[in-house]
Amino acid sequence: MITTTRFRLLRLKYHVTLTDVAEQAGVKNQNLSDWERGQVCASLERQTRIFKAFLRLAEARIRMYQELIEELKQCGGELLTPMEAESDEP
């Protein structure tokens, strides 16, 4: 059995990068890594910032996937039909 944190388990389960959360929370990647592995205790203020940052990322993903669902519904299954576009990058 290993010692870890709920944050790490959720982050890995939902494929959220450490860098994304660190940037959103305004903390250093290495500090967040130490905190998430339980090697160092984060202050309550830092824990709150990390929680809010993680929540914002999750909410942004929800919006993005809702938009994707709508676009998929609009295309009616025609994903591989050639089309004109400015670029194939988003």
N, C-alpha and C. Protein backbone atom coordinates (compact mmCIF):
# COMPACT_ATOMS: atom_id res chain seq x y z
N MET A 1 0.85 -1.19 0.00
CA MET A 1 0.00 0.00 0.00
C MET A 1 0.89 1.24 0.00
N ILE A 2 0.45 2.26 -0.74
CA ILE A 2 1.22 3.50 -0.82
C ILE A 2 0.46 4.64 -0.16
N THR A 3 1.19 5.67 0.22
CA THR A 3 0.57 6.87 0.77
C THR A 3 0.49 7.90 -0.34
N THR A 4 -0.69 8.47 -0.51
CA THR A 4 -0.89 9.48 -1.54
C THR A 4 -1.96 10.45 -1.06
N THR A 5 -2.46 11.28 -1.94
CA THR A 5 -3.53 12.23 -1.59
C THR A 5 -4.69 12.06 -2.54
N ARG A 6 -5.85 12.49 -2.11
CA ARG A 6 -7.03 12.45 -2.97
C ARG A 6 -6.79 13.27 -4.23
N PHE A 7 -6.10 14.40 -4.06
CA PHE A 7 -5.79 15.26 -5.21
C PHE A 7 -5.06 14.47 -6.29
N ARG A 8 -4.03 13.75 -5.91
CA ARG A 8 -3.25 12.98 -6.89
C ARG A 8 -4.10 11.91 -7.56
N LEU A 9 -4.88 11.20 -6.77
CA LEU A 9 -5.73 10.16 -7.34
C LEU A 9 -6.73 10.73 -8.35
N LEU A 10 -7.37 11.84 -8.00
CA LEU A 10 -8.34 12.46 -8.90
C LEU A 10 -7.64 13.04 -10.13
N ARG A 11 -6.51 13.67 -9.92
CA ARG A 11 -5.77 14.27 -11.03
C ARG A 11 -5.39 13.20 -12.06
N LEU A 12 -4.88 12.09 -11.57
CA LEU A 12 -4.47 11.01 -12.48
C LEU A 12 -5.68 10.34 -13.12
N LYS A 13 -6.73 10.12 -12.35
CA LYS A 13 -7.93 9.46 -12.86
C LYS A 13 -8.55 10.25 -14.01
N TYR A 14 -8.54 11.57 -13.88
CA TYR A 14 -9.20 12.42 -14.88
C TYR A 14 -8.21 13.09 -15.84
N HIS A 15 -6.99 12.61 -15.86
CA HIS A 15 -5.98 13.05 -16.82
C HIS A 15 -5.75 14.56 -16.81
N VAL A 16 -5.60 15.11 -15.63
CA VAL A 16 -5.28 16.53 -15.46
C VAL A 16 -3.80 16.61 -15.13
N THR A 17 -3.06 17.44 -15.85
CA THR A 17 -1.63 17.51 -15.60
C THR A 17 -1.31 18.35 -14.37
N LEU A 18 -0.21 18.01 -13.77
CA LEU A 18 0.29 18.76 -12.62
C LEU A 18 0.56 20.20 -13.04
N THR A 19 1.11 20.36 -14.23
CA THR A 19 1.43 21.69 -14.75
C THR A 19 0.19 22.55 -14.90
N ASP A 20 -0.90 21.96 -15.41
CA ASP A 20 -2.15 22.72 -15.57
C ASP A 20 -2.65 23.26 -14.22
N VAL A 21 -2.65 22.39 -13.21
CA VAL A 21 -3.14 22.82 -11.89
C VAL A 21 -2.18 23.84 -11.28
N ALA A 22 -0.89 23.59 -11.39
CA ALA A 22 0.11 24.50 -10.81
C ALA A 22 -0.02 25.89 -11.42
N GLU A 23 -0.14 25.95 -12.74
CA GLU A 23 -0.29 27.25 -13.41
C GLU A 23 -1.56 27.95 -12.98
N GLN A 24 -2.66 27.21 -12.93
CA GLN A 24 -3.95 27.78 -12.56
C GLN A 24 -3.94 28.26 -11.11
N ALA A 25 -3.21 27.54 -10.24
CA ALA A 25 -3.16 27.89 -8.81
C ALA A 25 -2.08 28.91 -8.49
N GLY A 26 -1.18 29.16 -9.45
CA GLY A 26 -0.10 30.12 -9.22
C GLY A 26 0.95 29.59 -8.25
N VAL A 27 1.23 28.28 -8.35
CA VAL A 27 2.26 27.67 -7.50
C VAL A 27 3.28 26.98 -8.38
N LYS A 28 4.42 26.67 -7.81
CA LYS A 28 5.46 25.97 -8.57
C LYS A 28 5.11 24.50 -8.72
N ASN A 29 5.43 23.97 -9.87
CA ASN A 29 5.18 22.57 -10.18
C ASN A 29 5.77 21.64 -9.11
N GLN A 30 7.03 21.89 -8.73
CA GLN A 30 7.71 21.02 -7.77
C GLN A 30 7.02 21.07 -6.41
N ASN A 31 6.59 22.26 -5.98
CA ASN A 31 5.88 22.36 -4.71
C ASN A 31 4.58 21.56 -4.74
N LEU A 32 3.84 21.70 -5.84
CA LEU A 32 2.58 20.97 -5.97
C LEU A 32 2.83 19.47 -5.97
N SER A 33 3.88 19.05 -6.63
CA SER A 33 4.24 17.64 -6.66
C SER A 33 4.53 17.12 -5.25
N ASP A 34 5.29 17.88 -4.49
CA ASP A 34 5.60 17.49 -3.11
C ASP A 34 4.33 17.41 -2.26
N TRP A 35 3.45 18.39 -2.42
CA TRP A 35 2.21 18.40 -1.64
C TRP A 35 1.32 17.24 -2.01
N GLU A 36 1.18 16.98 -3.32
CA GLU A 36 0.26 15.93 -3.74
C GLU A 36 0.73 14.54 -3.34
N ARG A 37 2.03 14.36 -3.17
CA ARG A 37 2.54 13.07 -2.73
C ARG A 37 2.60 12.98 -1.21
N GLY A 38 2.18 14.05 -0.53
CA GLY A 38 2.14 14.04 0.92
C GLY A 38 3.51 14.17 1.56
N GLN A 39 4.51 14.60 0.80
CA GLN A 39 5.86 14.74 1.34
C GLN A 39 6.01 16.01 2.18
N VAL A 40 5.21 17.01 1.84
CA VAL A 40 5.24 18.28 2.55
C VAL A 40 3.79 18.71 2.74
N CYS A 41 3.48 19.29 3.88
CA CYS A 41 2.12 19.77 4.14
C CYS A 41 1.95 21.18 3.58
N ALA A 42 0.87 21.38 2.86
CA ALA A 42 0.55 22.71 2.33
C ALA A 42 -0.32 23.44 3.34
N SER A 43 -0.17 24.75 3.39
CA SER A 43 -1.01 25.56 4.28
C SER A 43 -2.46 25.46 3.82
N LEU A 44 -3.37 25.81 4.71
CA LEU A 44 -4.79 25.81 4.37
C LEU A 44 -5.07 26.75 3.21
N GLU A 45 -4.38 27.89 3.19
CA GLU A 45 -4.56 28.86 2.11
C GLU A 45 -4.12 28.26 0.77
N ARG A 46 -3.01 27.54 0.76
CA ARG A 46 -2.53 26.90 -0.47
C ARG A 46 -3.48 25.78 -0.90
N GLN A 47 -3.95 25.00 0.06
CA GLN A 47 -4.88 23.93 -0.25
C GLN A 47 -6.15 24.49 -0.90
N THR A 48 -6.62 25.61 -0.39
CA THR A 48 -7.81 26.25 -0.94
C THR A 48 -7.54 26.73 -2.37
N ARG A 49 -6.37 27.33 -2.61
CA ARG A 49 -6.02 27.79 -3.96
C ARG A 49 -5.96 26.62 -4.94
N ILE A 50 -5.37 25.51 -4.49
CA ILE A 50 -5.26 24.33 -5.35
C ILE A 50 -6.64 23.75 -5.64
N PHE A 51 -7.48 23.67 -4.61
CA PHE A 51 -8.84 23.17 -4.79
C PHE A 51 -9.60 24.01 -5.81
N LYS A 52 -9.55 25.33 -5.65
CA LYS A 52 -10.27 26.23 -6.56
C LYS A 52 -9.72 26.14 -7.98
N ALA A 53 -8.41 26.02 -8.11
CA ALA A 53 -7.80 25.90 -9.44
C ALA A 53 -8.24 24.60 -10.11
N PHE A 54 -8.24 23.52 -9.37
CA PHE A 54 -8.65 22.22 -9.90
C PHE A 54 -10.12 22.26 -10.31
N LEU A 55 -10.94 22.89 -9.51
CA LEU A 55 -12.36 23.04 -9.81
C LEU A 55 -12.57 23.86 -11.08
N ARG A 56 -11.83 24.96 -11.22
CA ARG A 56 -11.94 25.78 -12.44
C ARG A 56 -11.56 24.98 -13.68
N LEU A 57 -10.51 24.18 -13.57
CA LEU A 57 -10.11 23.34 -14.70
C LEU A 57 -11.20 22.33 -15.06
N ALA A 58 -11.80 21.73 -14.04
CA ALA A 58 -12.87 20.76 -14.29
C ALA A 58 -14.07 21.44 -14.96
N GLU A 59 -14.44 22.62 -14.47
CA GLU A 59 -15.57 23.35 -15.06
C GLU A 59 -15.28 23.75 -16.50
N ALA A 60 -14.03 24.12 -16.79
CA ALA A 60 -13.66 24.47 -18.16
C ALA A 60 -13.76 23.25 -19.07
N ARG A 61 -13.37 22.10 -18.56
CA ARG A 61 -13.49 20.87 -19.35
C ARG A 61 -14.95 20.52 -19.62
N ILE A 62 -15.79 20.72 -18.64
CA ILE A 62 -17.22 20.46 -18.84
C ILE A 62 -17.75 21.31 -19.98
N ARG A 63 -17.43 22.61 -19.96
CA ARG A 63 -17.88 23.51 -21.03
C ARG A 63 -17.33 23.07 -22.38
N MET A 64 -16.06 22.70 -22.41
CA MET A 64 -15.44 22.29 -23.67
C MET A 64 -16.12 21.03 -24.21
N TYR A 65 -16.38 20.05 -23.35
CA TYR A 65 -17.00 18.82 -23.82
C TYR A 65 -18.47 19.03 -24.19
N GLN A 66 -19.14 19.96 -23.53
CA GLN A 66 -20.51 20.28 -23.93
C GLN A 66 -20.52 20.87 -25.34
N GLU A 67 -19.55 21.72 -25.63
CA GLU A 67 -19.43 22.29 -26.98
C GLU A 67 -19.12 21.20 -27.99
N LEU A 68 -18.24 20.28 -27.63
CA LEU A 68 -17.91 19.17 -28.52
C LEU A 68 -19.14 18.32 -28.81
N ILE A 69 -19.93 18.03 -27.80
CA ILE A 69 -21.16 17.25 -27.98
C ILE A 69 -22.08 17.95 -28.97
N GLU A 70 -22.24 19.26 -28.83
CA GLU A 70 -23.11 20.01 -29.74
C GLU A 70 -22.58 19.96 -31.17
N GLU A 71 -21.27 20.12 -31.33
CA GLU A 71 -20.70 20.06 -32.68
C GLU A 71 -20.85 18.68 -33.29
N LEU A 72 -20.68 17.65 -32.48
CA LEU A 72 -20.86 16.28 -32.98
C LEU A 72 -22.30 16.04 -33.41
N LYS A 73 -23.24 16.56 -32.66
CA LYS A 73 -24.65 16.41 -33.02
C LYS A 73 -24.94 17.13 -34.34
N GLN A 74 -24.33 18.30 -34.52
CA GLN A 74 -24.56 19.09 -35.73
C GLN A 74 -23.98 18.43 -36.97
N CYS A 75 -22.89 17.71 -36.83
CA CYS A 75 -22.25 17.13 -38.02
C CYS A 75 -22.96 15.87 -38.49
N GLY A 76 -23.84 15.34 -37.70
CA GLY A 76 -24.64 14.18 -38.12
C GLY A 76 -23.81 12.96 -38.50
N GLY A 77 -22.68 12.76 -37.84
CA GLY A 77 -21.87 11.59 -38.11
C GLY A 77 -20.87 11.75 -39.22
N GLU A 78 -20.85 12.90 -39.88
CA GLU A 78 -19.94 13.12 -41.01
C GLU A 78 -18.62 13.72 -40.54
N LEU A 79 -17.84 12.93 -39.82
CA LEU A 79 -16.57 13.41 -39.29
C LEU A 79 -15.44 13.34 -40.31
N LEU A 80 -15.52 12.42 -41.24
CA LEU A 80 -14.41 12.20 -42.16
C LEU A 80 -14.66 12.74 -43.56
N THR A 81 -15.69 13.57 -43.70
CA THR A 81 -15.98 14.20 -44.98
C THR A 81 -15.02 15.38 -45.16
N PRO A 82 -14.31 15.44 -46.30
CA PRO A 82 -13.39 16.57 -46.54
C PRO A 82 -14.14 17.90 -46.50
N MET A 83 -13.45 18.92 -45.98
CA MET A 83 -14.05 20.26 -45.89
C MET A 83 -12.95 21.30 -45.99
N GLU A 84 -13.32 22.51 -46.36
CA GLU A 84 -12.38 23.62 -46.43
C GLU A 84 -12.23 24.23 -45.04
N ALA A 85 -10.99 24.55 -44.69
CA ALA A 85 -10.72 25.18 -43.41
C ALA A 85 -9.47 26.04 -43.53
N GLU A 86 -9.37 27.07 -42.72
CA GLU A 86 -8.19 27.93 -42.70
C GLU A 86 -6.95 27.13 -42.30
N SER A 87 -7.11 26.26 -41.32
CA SER A 87 -6.02 25.47 -40.79
C SER A 87 -6.61 24.23 -40.14
N ASP A 88 -5.82 23.17 -40.01
CA ASP A 88 -6.36 22.01 -39.31
C ASP A 88 -6.00 22.05 -37.82
N GLU A 89 -5.49 23.19 -37.35
CA GLU A 89 -5.22 23.41 -35.94
C GLU A 89 -6.41 24.14 -35.33
N PRO A 90 -6.75 23.82 -34.08
CA PRO A 90 -7.89 24.49 -33.44
C PRO A 90 -7.71 25.98 -33.30
